[in-house]
Amino acid sequence: MPDKVPSKICKTCRYWSDQIVRIEHPKRGMEACCLNVGQKFQGLWMSGNDRCGAWESGHLGAVDEPGFDTSLYQKELAA
């Protein structure tokens, strides 16, 4: 059976920050800052279940994860 493809929601996007979060809306739960530079949601608070067309898989970690090697995704594309 093939691996399940992650749902294209903010929580699984590499630009959804686990480091910059807030909980202000009880119905929305935790919101994180979108770090996708140049996209319409950059710098906005996004729920983990929100979606946008600029989603990119976060399977190697978020772009702001401590110790994250920023070249990991480029290395994967080149392979």
N, C-alpha and C. Protein backbone atom coordinates (compact mmCIF):
# COMPACT_ATOMS: atom_id res chain seq x y z
N MET A 1 0.85 -1.18 0.00
CA MET A 1 0.00 0.00 0.00
C MET A 1 0.89 1.24 0.00
N PRO A 2 0.68 2.21 -0.91
CA PRO A 2 1.53 3.40 -0.99
C PRO A 2 1.35 4.29 0.24
N ASP A 3 2.43 5.05 0.53
CA ASP A 3 2.35 6.01 1.63
C ASP A 3 1.26 7.03 1.35
N LYS A 4 0.59 7.46 2.41
CA LYS A 4 -0.46 8.45 2.26
C LYS A 4 0.16 9.82 1.97
N VAL A 5 -0.32 10.48 0.94
CA VAL A 5 0.15 11.82 0.59
C VAL A 5 -0.41 12.79 1.63
N PRO A 6 0.44 13.68 2.18
CA PRO A 6 -0.07 14.60 3.19
C PRO A 6 -1.13 15.53 2.61
N SER A 7 -2.14 15.80 3.42
CA SER A 7 -3.18 16.73 3.00
C SER A 7 -2.56 18.11 2.81
N LYS A 8 -2.96 18.80 1.77
CA LYS A 8 -2.38 20.10 1.46
C LYS A 8 -3.01 21.21 2.31
N ILE A 9 -2.78 21.10 3.62
CA ILE A 9 -3.25 22.11 4.56
C ILE A 9 -2.03 22.78 5.18
N CYS A 10 -2.25 23.96 5.76
CA CYS A 10 -1.12 24.72 6.31
C CYS A 10 -0.27 23.92 7.28
N LYS A 11 -0.88 23.10 8.10
CA LYS A 11 -0.15 22.34 9.11
C LYS A 11 0.92 21.43 8.49
N THR A 12 0.75 21.03 7.23
CA THR A 12 1.72 20.14 6.58
C THR A 12 2.62 20.89 5.61
N CYS A 13 2.50 22.20 5.56
CA CYS A 13 3.31 23.03 4.65
C CYS A 13 4.61 23.43 5.33
N ARG A 14 5.70 23.48 4.57
CA ARG A 14 6.98 23.83 5.17
C ARG A 14 7.06 25.30 5.59
N TYR A 15 6.12 26.12 5.16
CA TYR A 15 6.13 27.54 5.51
C TYR A 15 5.25 27.87 6.71
N TRP A 16 4.60 26.87 7.30
CA TRP A 16 3.76 27.08 8.48
C TRP A 16 4.67 26.96 9.69
N SER A 17 4.84 28.05 10.42
CA SER A 17 5.83 28.11 11.49
C SER A 17 5.32 27.53 12.81
N ASP A 18 6.01 26.53 13.33
CA ASP A 18 5.72 26.03 14.67
C ASP A 18 6.37 26.92 15.73
N GLN A 19 7.23 27.83 15.29
CA GLN A 19 7.97 28.69 16.22
C GLN A 19 7.25 30.01 16.50
N ILE A 20 6.40 30.45 15.58
CA ILE A 20 5.70 31.73 15.72
C ILE A 20 4.20 31.42 15.72
N VAL A 21 3.64 31.26 16.92
CA VAL A 21 2.24 30.82 17.03
C VAL A 21 1.45 31.70 18.00
N ARG A 22 0.14 31.59 17.90
CA ARG A 22 -0.77 32.25 18.84
C ARG A 22 -2.05 31.44 18.94
N ILE A 23 -2.74 31.63 20.05
CA ILE A 23 -4.06 31.03 20.22
C ILE A 23 -4.97 32.16 20.69
N GLU A 24 -5.67 32.77 19.75
CA GLU A 24 -6.56 33.88 20.06
C GLU A 24 -8.01 33.56 19.73
N HIS A 25 -8.21 32.65 18.81
CA HIS A 25 -9.55 32.31 18.36
C HIS A 25 -9.89 30.89 18.81
N PRO A 26 -10.72 30.75 19.85
CA PRO A 26 -11.03 29.40 20.36
C PRO A 26 -11.53 28.43 19.30
N LYS A 27 -12.26 28.92 18.33
CA LYS A 27 -12.81 28.03 17.30
C LYS A 27 -11.77 27.64 16.26
N ARG A 28 -10.75 28.43 16.09
CA ARG A 28 -9.70 28.13 15.10
C ARG A 28 -8.53 27.38 15.71
N GLY A 29 -8.39 27.40 17.03
CA GLY A 29 -7.27 26.74 17.68
C GLY A 29 -5.97 27.49 17.45
N MET A 30 -4.87 26.77 17.44
CA MET A 30 -3.57 27.40 17.26
C MET A 30 -3.42 27.93 15.84
N GLU A 31 -2.86 29.11 15.74
CA GLU A 31 -2.55 29.70 14.44
C GLU A 31 -1.05 29.94 14.39
N ALA A 32 -0.48 29.78 13.23
CA ALA A 32 0.95 30.00 13.04
C ALA A 32 1.16 31.00 11.92
N CYS A 33 2.30 31.64 11.96
CA CYS A 33 2.64 32.64 10.95
C CYS A 33 3.09 31.95 9.67
N CYS A 34 2.59 32.43 8.54
CA CYS A 34 3.02 31.91 7.24
C CYS A 34 4.33 32.59 6.85
N LEU A 35 5.34 31.79 6.54
CA LEU A 35 6.67 32.31 6.19
C LEU A 35 7.00 32.17 4.71
N ASN A 36 5.99 32.02 3.87
CA ASN A 36 6.21 31.85 2.44
C ASN A 36 6.43 33.22 1.79
N VAL A 37 7.68 33.59 1.63
CA VAL A 37 8.07 34.91 1.12
C VAL A 37 7.47 35.17 -0.26
N GLY A 38 6.84 36.32 -0.38
CA GLY A 38 6.27 36.74 -1.66
C GLY A 38 4.87 36.21 -1.95
N GLN A 39 4.32 35.41 -1.06
CA GLN A 39 2.97 34.89 -1.26
C GLN A 39 1.95 35.75 -0.52
N LYS A 40 0.69 35.64 -0.91
CA LYS A 40 -0.33 36.53 -0.35
C LYS A 40 -0.58 36.35 1.14
N PHE A 41 -0.23 35.20 1.71
CA PHE A 41 -0.45 34.97 3.14
C PHE A 41 0.80 35.20 3.99
N GLN A 42 1.90 35.63 3.37
CA GLN A 42 3.14 35.86 4.12
C GLN A 42 2.88 36.79 5.31
N GLY A 43 3.30 36.35 6.50
CA GLY A 43 3.17 37.17 7.70
C GLY A 43 1.80 37.14 8.34
N LEU A 44 0.85 36.40 7.75
CA LEU A 44 -0.50 36.33 8.31
C LEU A 44 -0.63 35.10 9.20
N TRP A 45 -1.59 35.17 10.13
CA TRP A 45 -1.87 34.05 11.03
C TRP A 45 -2.79 33.06 10.32
N MET A 46 -2.32 31.82 10.22
CA MET A 46 -3.05 30.79 9.50
C MET A 46 -3.37 29.63 10.44
N SER A 47 -4.59 29.13 10.35
CA SER A 47 -4.98 27.93 11.09
C SER A 47 -4.31 26.73 10.41
N GLY A 48 -4.07 25.68 11.16
CA GLY A 48 -3.47 24.48 10.59
C GLY A 48 -4.29 23.86 9.49
N ASN A 49 -5.60 24.14 9.47
CA ASN A 49 -6.49 23.57 8.45
C ASN A 49 -6.73 24.51 7.27
N ASP A 50 -6.14 25.70 7.28
CA ASP A 50 -6.27 26.61 6.14
C ASP A 50 -5.50 26.04 4.96
N ARG A 51 -5.77 26.59 3.79
CA ARG A 51 -5.13 26.12 2.55
C ARG A 51 -4.79 27.31 1.66
N CYS A 52 -3.79 27.11 0.79
CA CYS A 52 -3.54 28.08 -0.27
C CYS A 52 -2.81 27.38 -1.41
N GLY A 53 -2.77 28.01 -2.54
CA GLY A 53 -2.14 27.43 -3.73
C GLY A 53 -0.63 27.38 -3.67
N ALA A 54 -0.02 28.05 -2.70
CA ALA A 54 1.44 28.08 -2.60
C ALA A 54 1.98 27.01 -1.66
N TRP A 55 1.13 26.05 -1.26
CA TRP A 55 1.52 24.99 -0.34
C TRP A 55 2.70 24.20 -0.90
N GLU A 56 3.67 23.91 -0.03
CA GLU A 56 4.77 23.02 -0.36
C GLU A 56 4.98 22.07 0.80
N SER A 57 5.21 20.83 0.52
CA SER A 57 5.33 19.80 1.55
C SER A 57 6.38 20.14 2.60
N GLY A 58 6.03 19.90 3.85
CA GLY A 58 6.94 20.12 4.96
C GLY A 58 7.51 18.82 5.50
N HIS A 59 7.59 17.79 4.67
CA HIS A 59 8.03 16.47 5.14
C HIS A 59 9.47 16.44 5.64
N LEU A 60 10.28 17.42 5.27
CA LEU A 60 11.66 17.49 5.78
C LEU A 60 11.79 18.51 6.91
N GLY A 61 10.70 19.13 7.28
CA GLY A 61 10.73 20.12 8.36
C GLY A 61 10.32 21.50 7.86
N ALA A 62 9.98 22.35 8.80
CA ALA A 62 9.59 23.72 8.47
C ALA A 62 10.83 24.57 8.20
N VAL A 63 10.66 25.64 7.44
CA VAL A 63 11.79 26.48 7.09
C VAL A 63 12.41 27.18 8.29
N ASP A 64 11.67 27.30 9.39
CA ASP A 64 12.23 27.97 10.57
C ASP A 64 12.55 27.00 11.71
N GLU A 65 12.58 25.73 11.42
CA GLU A 65 12.88 24.74 12.45
C GLU A 65 14.34 24.89 12.89
N PRO A 66 14.60 24.92 14.20
CA PRO A 66 15.98 25.07 14.67
C PRO A 66 16.90 24.00 14.09
N GLY A 67 18.02 24.42 13.55
CA GLY A 67 18.98 23.48 12.97
C GLY A 67 18.62 23.00 11.58
N PHE A 68 17.57 23.56 10.98
CA PHE A 68 17.13 23.11 9.66
C PHE A 68 18.15 23.48 8.59
N ASP A 69 18.50 22.52 7.77
CA ASP A 69 19.41 22.74 6.65
C ASP A 69 18.57 23.25 5.48
N THR A 70 18.72 24.52 5.15
CA THR A 70 17.87 25.13 4.12
C THR A 70 18.06 24.52 2.74
N SER A 71 19.11 23.77 2.53
CA SER A 71 19.34 23.17 1.22
C SER A 71 18.72 21.77 1.08
N LEU A 72 18.11 21.25 2.14
CA LEU A 72 17.54 19.89 2.07
C LEU A 72 16.57 19.72 0.93
N TYR A 73 15.65 20.68 0.76
CA TYR A 73 14.63 20.54 -0.29
C TYR A 73 15.28 20.64 -1.68
N GLN A 74 16.27 21.53 -1.83
CA GLN A 74 16.94 21.64 -3.13
C GLN A 74 17.71 20.36 -3.45
N LYS A 75 18.34 19.76 -2.43
CA LYS A 75 19.07 18.51 -2.65
C LYS A 75 18.12 17.40 -3.07
N GLU A 76 16.92 17.38 -2.47
CA GLU A 76 15.94 16.36 -2.81
C GLU A 76 15.47 16.52 -4.26
N LEU A 77 15.25 17.76 -4.70
CA LEU A 77 14.83 18.02 -6.07
C LEU A 77 15.90 17.60 -7.08
N ALA A 78 17.16 17.79 -6.70
CA ALA A 78 18.26 17.47 -7.60
C ALA A 78 18.49 15.96 -7.74
N ALA A 79 18.05 15.21 -6.75
CA ALA A 79 18.30 13.75 -6.76
C ALA A 79 17.45 13.02 -7.78
